[in-house]
């Protein structure tokens, strides 16, 4: 009985917190910006020949990720499924038949509670995911810059009241963005280089040529530089950190299998993907942009939890 009373009291406190949250005018202003962001992204991609596909929420196989998260396995009619941490494996299969596509993909990543203090992490979020068959990295870099320019321009034009509400003067950033190699940044600024550069830079920039130990098995290794991946991230200025992550993809079965072994993963966890790779995967490249993170950056919001209506905060009970 005492336990039930404590639980009831805890839920009452949580309900009051959410009632206050939903009553906050900043939430509506944020949602107007967020809606404009999603509309602008979709319009830009439609106008550039992309098709939209549906998001995949559960699958027998999903992104292994290179950082610690809790398992989301569950049994259904004798089969083991996982809640998808990202749609990356599905993108690399879908590109067999669809040359250019995107989706707004909900992701569940049960992060450890320490990430709650980063200002950038939720355990449920949405990202714009896209992939292009036979893409070059330069094509992806140009697409990313064009997409950001279009989104920022549309928000400035259509969300003046909201930008004024948040006290934001959204800049039109010069392109091409500066490109900084991972190892160069590491050697110059040390292990916290991303935080340092994000605070130092006045414009978004590309972090490129990321070491293979930092990323997953599906990203393509530079054939001329072993251990270096043809990856690229966009890092927002003003200390807002990573906003886009992507790269070229490994499509050869033997190289995919070797990378799985090198990263000490269990190849049984990727049986379906490996069988498809045996049948043939086309070369491709793509990236994902976190919707909450770009909304946070545009609005100048301190924590990403305030860039969504129902934030899922690591380590906290969340609606």
Protein backbone atom coordinates (compact mmCIF):
# COMPACT_ATOMS: atom_id res chain seq x y z
CA UNK A 1 0.00 0.00 0.00
CA UNK A 2 2.83 2.42 0.91
CA UNK A 3 4.54 1.65 -2.41
CA UNK A 4 1.34 2.36 -4.34
CA UNK A 5 0.94 5.66 -2.48
CA UNK A 6 4.49 6.72 -3.36
CA UNK A 7 3.93 5.75 -7.00
CA UNK A 8 0.66 7.68 -7.14
CA UNK A 9 2.41 10.74 -5.69
CA UNK A 10 5.21 10.45 -8.22
CA UNK A 11 2.76 10.27 -11.10
CA UNK A 12 0.88 13.29 -9.74
CA UNK A 13 4.11 15.31 -9.69
CA UNK A 14 4.87 14.19 -13.24
CA UNK A 15 1.36 15.10 -14.43
CA UNK A 16 1.73 18.59 -12.95
CA UNK A 17 5.10 18.99 -14.65
CA UNK A 18 3.66 18.06 -18.04
CA UNK A 19 0.61 20.27 -17.56
CA UNK A 20 2.93 23.22 -16.96
CA UNK A 21 5.00 22.20 -19.96
CA UNK A 22 2.03 22.03 -22.33
CA UNK A 23 0.88 25.44 -21.07
CA UNK A 24 4.22 27.06 -21.87
CA UNK A 25 3.88 29.30 -25.00
CA UNK A 26 7.45 28.36 -26.02
CA UNK A 27 6.23 24.87 -26.89
CA UNK A 28 3.81 26.09 -29.54
CA UNK A 29 6.37 28.49 -31.03
CA UNK A 30 8.93 25.66 -31.18
CA UNK A 31 6.42 23.38 -32.91
CA UNK A 32 5.72 25.99 -35.58
CA UNK A 33 9.44 26.11 -36.37
CA UNK A 34 9.73 22.33 -36.28
CA UNK A 35 6.81 21.92 -38.66
CA UNK A 36 8.40 24.41 -41.06
CA UNK A 37 11.69 22.50 -40.87
CA UNK A 38 10.05 19.19 -41.81
CA UNK A 39 8.00 20.75 -44.61
CA UNK A 40 11.06 22.50 -46.06
CA UNK A 41 13.12 19.31 -45.94
CA UNK A 42 10.44 17.30 -47.71
CA UNK A 43 9.86 19.99 -50.36
CA UNK A 44 13.57 20.31 -51.10
CA UNK A 45 13.99 16.56 -51.52
CA UNK A 46 10.82 16.12 -53.59
CA UNK A 47 12.08 18.89 -55.89
CA UNK A 48 15.38 17.04 -56.23
CA UNK A 49 13.85 13.75 -57.35
CA UNK A 50 13.61 11.89 -54.03
CA UNK A 51 10.81 9.50 -53.13
CA UNK A 52 9.53 9.15 -49.56
CA UNK A 53 9.47 5.71 -47.93
CA UNK A 54 7.85 4.58 -44.69
CA UNK A 55 9.87 4.27 -41.49
CA UNK A 56 10.71 0.83 -40.06
CA UNK A 57 10.14 0.58 -36.31
CA UNK A 58 10.85 -3.11 -35.60
CA UNK A 59 13.07 -5.63 -37.34
CA UNK A 60 15.12 -8.77 -36.63
CA UNK A 61 18.26 -6.71 -37.41
CA UNK A 62 19.23 -3.13 -36.64
CA UNK A 63 22.12 -0.71 -36.32
CA UNK A 64 24.77 -2.02 -33.87
CA UNK A 65 25.91 1.53 -32.92
CA UNK A 66 29.39 2.21 -31.58
CA UNK A 67 28.30 3.51 -28.18
CA UNK A 68 26.52 2.00 -25.19
CA UNK A 69 22.74 1.58 -25.28
CA UNK A 70 20.40 -0.94 -23.66
CA UNK A 71 18.89 -3.83 -25.62
CA UNK A 72 15.38 -3.57 -27.08
CA UNK A 73 14.91 -7.23 -28.07
CA UNK A 74 11.46 -8.80 -27.77
CA UNK A 75 9.83 -12.07 -28.80
CA UNK A 76 6.88 -12.21 -31.20
CA UNK A 77 5.44 -15.54 -32.41
CA UNK A 78 8.72 -17.31 -31.79
CA UNK A 79 10.88 -14.73 -33.58
CA UNK A 80 13.21 -12.21 -31.97
CA UNK A 81 12.73 -8.62 -33.04
CA UNK A 82 14.48 -5.38 -32.11
CA UNK A 83 13.19 -1.82 -31.99
CA UNK A 84 15.22 -0.09 -34.68
CA UNK A 85 18.01 2.15 -33.41
CA UNK A 86 18.23 3.61 -36.89
CA UNK A 87 17.06 2.67 -40.38
CA UNK A 88 20.57 2.40 -41.82
CA UNK A 89 20.47 -1.31 -42.72
CA UNK A 90 17.02 -0.90 -44.26
CA UNK A 91 18.23 2.07 -46.29
CA UNK A 92 21.09 0.02 -47.70
CA UNK A 93 18.64 -2.71 -48.69
CA UNK A 94 16.00 -0.34 -50.08
CA UNK A 95 18.54 1.34 -52.37
CA UNK A 96 18.61 -1.89 -54.39
CA UNK A 97 15.34 -0.80 -55.97
CA UNK A 98 14.97 2.92 -55.24
CA UNK A 99 17.66 5.31 -56.46
CA UNK A 100 16.97 8.31 -54.18
CA UNK A 101 14.70 8.28 -51.15
CA UNK A 102 14.12 9.74 -47.71
CA UNK A 103 11.98 9.14 -44.65
CA UNK A 104 11.26 10.79 -41.33
CA UNK A 105 12.41 7.94 -39.13
CA UNK A 106 11.58 7.62 -35.41
CA UNK A 107 14.55 6.13 -33.57
CA UNK A 108 14.63 4.41 -30.17
CA UNK A 109 18.03 4.33 -28.50
CA UNK A 110 17.94 3.47 -24.83
CA UNK A 111 20.87 5.69 -23.87
CA UNK A 112 22.59 5.51 -20.49
CA UNK A 113 21.36 8.20 -18.10
CA UNK A 114 24.66 10.10 -18.15
CA UNK A 115 23.84 11.35 -21.68
CA UNK A 116 20.86 13.30 -20.31
CA UNK A 117 23.23 16.13 -19.37
CA UNK A 118 24.71 16.60 -22.86
CA UNK A 119 21.82 18.78 -24.01
CA UNK A 120 21.71 16.72 -27.24
CA UNK A 121 20.41 13.27 -26.27
CA UNK A 122 16.94 11.76 -26.04
CA UNK A 123 16.15 8.06 -26.11
CA UNK A 124 13.35 8.63 -28.65
CA UNK A 125 13.87 11.08 -31.50
CA UNK A 126 13.18 11.59 -35.19
CA UNK A 127 15.65 12.05 -37.97
CA UNK A 128 15.46 12.79 -41.66
CA UNK A 129 17.15 9.77 -43.25
CA UNK A 130 18.13 9.69 -46.92
CA UNK A 131 20.16 7.52 -49.26
CA UNK A 132 21.32 7.82 -52.88
CA UNK A 133 22.43 4.97 -55.14
CA UNK A 134 25.85 5.52 -56.77
CA UNK A 135 26.36 8.79 -54.89
CA UNK A 136 29.77 10.37 -54.53
CA UNK A 137 30.80 11.97 -51.26
CA UNK A 138 31.07 15.37 -52.95
CA UNK A 139 27.48 14.94 -54.13
CA UNK A 140 26.38 14.25 -50.56
CA UNK A 141 28.29 17.23 -49.19
CA UNK A 142 26.68 19.50 -51.78
CA UNK A 143 23.22 18.05 -51.10
CA UNK A 144 23.60 18.55 -47.34
CA UNK A 145 24.66 22.18 -47.75
CA UNK A 146 21.84 22.86 -50.20
CA UNK A 147 19.31 21.28 -47.88
CA UNK A 148 20.46 23.31 -44.88
CA UNK A 149 20.47 26.54 -46.92
CA UNK A 150 16.91 25.90 -48.10
CA UNK A 151 15.64 25.01 -44.62
CA UNK A 152 17.21 28.06 -42.97
CA UNK A 153 15.91 30.35 -45.74
CA UNK A 154 12.36 29.00 -45.42
CA UNK A 155 12.41 29.30 -41.63
CA UNK A 156 13.68 32.88 -41.81
CA UNK A 157 10.93 33.74 -44.30
CA UNK A 158 8.02 31.95 -42.62
CA UNK A 159 8.90 31.96 -38.90
CA UNK A 160 9.90 35.57 -38.23
CA UNK A 161 7.61 35.82 -35.22
CA UNK A 162 9.00 32.61 -33.75
CA UNK A 163 12.65 33.62 -34.28
CA UNK A 164 11.88 36.93 -32.59
CA UNK A 165 10.21 35.05 -29.71
CA UNK A 166 13.38 32.97 -29.17
CA UNK A 167 15.66 35.97 -29.73
CA UNK A 168 17.38 34.29 -32.68
CA UNK A 169 19.02 35.97 -35.66
CA UNK A 170 19.30 32.98 -37.98
CA UNK A 171 22.25 33.46 -40.30
CA UNK A 172 22.52 32.46 -43.94
CA UNK A 173 25.71 30.42 -43.80
CA UNK A 174 28.28 30.56 -46.58
CA UNK A 175 28.81 27.47 -48.70
CA UNK A 176 30.78 25.36 -49.18
CA UNK A 177 31.18 24.62 -45.48
CA UNK A 178 34.69 24.27 -44.14
CA UNK A 179 35.91 20.65 -44.07
CA UNK A 180 38.03 19.47 -41.14
CA UNK A 181 39.56 15.98 -40.97
CA UNK A 182 38.88 14.08 -37.73
CA UNK A 183 42.53 13.27 -36.98
CA UNK A 184 43.64 16.83 -37.70
CA UNK A 185 41.08 18.14 -35.21
CA UNK A 186 42.04 15.48 -32.65
CA UNK A 187 45.75 16.29 -32.93
CA UNK A 188 45.18 20.03 -32.63
CA UNK A 189 42.53 20.21 -29.91
CA UNK A 190 42.57 16.84 -28.11
CA UNK A 191 39.74 14.40 -27.40
CA UNK A 192 37.18 17.18 -26.73
CA UNK A 193 37.81 18.77 -30.12
CA UNK A 194 34.18 18.56 -31.24
CA UNK A 195 32.97 20.58 -28.24
CA UNK A 196 35.81 23.06 -28.63
CA UNK A 197 35.31 23.56 -32.37
CA UNK A 198 31.52 23.75 -32.05
CA UNK A 199 31.91 26.63 -29.59
CA UNK A 200 34.68 28.29 -31.60
CA UNK A 201 33.20 28.17 -35.12
CA UNK A 202 30.72 30.78 -36.36
CA UNK A 203 29.27 28.60 -39.11
CA UNK A 204 28.40 24.92 -39.47
CA UNK A 205 31.32 22.80 -40.68
CA UNK A 206 32.00 19.30 -41.97
CA UNK A 207 33.94 16.80 -39.88
CA UNK A 208 35.29 14.30 -42.43
CA UNK A 209 37.53 11.23 -42.72
CA UNK A 210 36.48 9.58 -39.49
CA UNK A 211 38.50 6.58 -38.16
CA UNK A 212 36.90 3.16 -38.56
CA UNK A 213 36.92 2.48 -34.80
CA UNK A 214 34.52 5.41 -34.33
CA UNK A 215 31.87 4.11 -36.71
CA UNK A 216 29.92 1.02 -37.67
CA UNK A 217 30.76 -1.76 -40.15
CA UNK A 218 28.54 -0.47 -42.97
CA UNK A 219 30.47 2.76 -43.66
CA UNK A 220 32.99 2.63 -46.48
CA UNK A 221 36.72 2.59 -45.86
CA UNK A 222 38.83 4.80 -48.11
CA UNK A 223 40.63 2.33 -50.42
CA UNK A 224 43.73 4.55 -50.41
CA UNK A 225 43.82 5.12 -46.62
CA UNK A 226 43.20 1.99 -44.52
CA UNK A 227 41.35 2.74 -41.29
CA UNK A 228 39.82 6.00 -42.58
CA UNK A 229 36.14 6.08 -43.51
CA UNK A 230 34.54 8.21 -46.20
CA UNK A 231 32.21 9.68 -43.58
CA UNK A 232 31.06 13.21 -42.84
CA UNK A 233 29.22 14.97 -40.02
CA UNK A 234 27.87 18.50 -39.83
CA UNK A 235 28.75 20.22 -36.56
CA UNK A 236 26.61 23.22 -35.61
CA UNK A 237 28.31 26.35 -34.23
CA UNK A 238 27.58 28.05 -30.87
CA UNK A 239 28.24 24.80 -29.01
CA UNK A 240 25.20 22.95 -30.41
CA UNK A 241 27.32 20.02 -31.63
CA UNK A 242 26.61 17.33 -34.20
CA UNK A 243 23.52 17.79 -36.37
CA UNK A 244 24.09 15.52 -39.39
CA UNK A 245 25.89 12.20 -39.65
CA UNK A 246 26.51 10.15 -42.77
CA UNK A 247 28.93 8.67 -45.24
CA UNK A 248 29.60 6.38 -48.14
CA UNK A 249 28.52 2.75 -47.67
CA UNK A 250 30.40 -0.50 -47.96
CA UNK A 251 28.56 -2.72 -50.47
CA UNK A 252 30.94 -5.65 -51.06
CA UNK A 253 30.05 -8.79 -49.10
CA UNK A 254 33.63 -9.81 -48.22
CA UNK A 255 34.50 -6.33 -46.92
CA UNK A 256 31.27 -6.09 -44.91
CA UNK A 257 31.98 -9.49 -43.31
CA UNK A 258 35.60 -8.50 -42.57
CA UNK A 259 34.47 -5.27 -40.89
CA UNK A 260 31.95 -7.16 -38.74
CA UNK A 261 34.73 -9.50 -37.60
CA UNK A 262 37.16 -6.60 -37.05
CA UNK A 263 34.63 -4.88 -34.79
CA UNK A 264 34.09 -8.14 -32.86
CA UNK A 265 30.39 -8.25 -33.65
CA UNK A 266 28.37 -11.46 -33.93
CA UNK A 267 27.69 -12.05 -37.63
CA UNK A 268 24.59 -14.07 -36.62
CA UNK A 269 22.99 -10.74 -35.68
CA UNK A 270 23.21 -9.66 -39.35
CA UNK A 271 22.37 -12.89 -41.21
CA UNK A 272 19.60 -11.38 -43.35
CA UNK A 273 21.69 -8.34 -44.24
CA UNK A 274 24.69 -10.50 -45.14
CA UNK A 275 22.55 -12.77 -47.33
CA UNK A 276 21.30 -9.71 -49.21
CA UNK A 277 24.88 -8.48 -49.55
CA UNK A 278 25.81 -11.85 -51.11
CA UNK A 279 23.10 -11.29 -53.72
CA UNK A 280 24.47 -7.81 -54.41
CA UNK A 281 24.17 -4.35 -52.88
CA UNK A 282 24.74 -1.25 -55.03
CA UNK A 283 27.22 1.47 -54.02
CA UNK A 284 25.44 4.26 -52.13
CA UNK A 285 25.80 7.07 -49.65
CA UNK A 286 23.51 8.98 -47.36
CA UNK A 287 23.01 10.77 -44.09
CA UNK A 288 20.61 11.53 -41.26
CA UNK A 289 19.68 14.88 -39.72
CA UNK A 290 18.18 14.95 -36.23
CA UNK A 291 14.90 16.90 -36.34
CA UNK A 292 14.98 17.82 -32.66
CA UNK A 293 18.62 18.88 -32.90
CA UNK A 294 18.13 21.18 -35.89
CA UNK A 295 15.04 22.69 -34.20
CA UNK A 296 17.09 23.21 -31.04
CA UNK A 297 19.82 24.97 -33.02
CA UNK A 298 17.44 27.21 -34.97
CA UNK A 299 15.56 28.27 -31.84
CA UNK A 300 18.66 28.49 -29.64
CA UNK A 301 17.13 26.10 -27.10
CA UNK A 302 19.38 25.05 -24.23
CA UNK A 303 18.36 21.37 -24.11
CA UNK A 304 16.96 19.20 -26.90
CA UNK A 305 14.17 18.05 -24.56
CA UNK A 306 12.48 21.39 -25.27
CA UNK A 307 12.59 20.75 -29.03
CA UNK A 308 9.83 18.13 -28.84
CA UNK A 309 6.43 17.86 -27.20
CA UNK A 310 6.94 14.54 -25.37
CA UNK A 311 10.69 14.32 -24.63
CA UNK A 312 12.16 10.97 -23.65
CA UNK A 313 15.00 11.86 -21.31
CA UNK A 314 17.55 9.12 -20.48
CA UNK A 315 17.13 7.89 -16.92
CA UNK A 316 13.86 9.74 -16.29
CA UNK A 317 10.22 8.63 -16.35
CA UNK A 318 8.84 10.26 -19.48
CA UNK A 319 5.39 10.34 -21.05
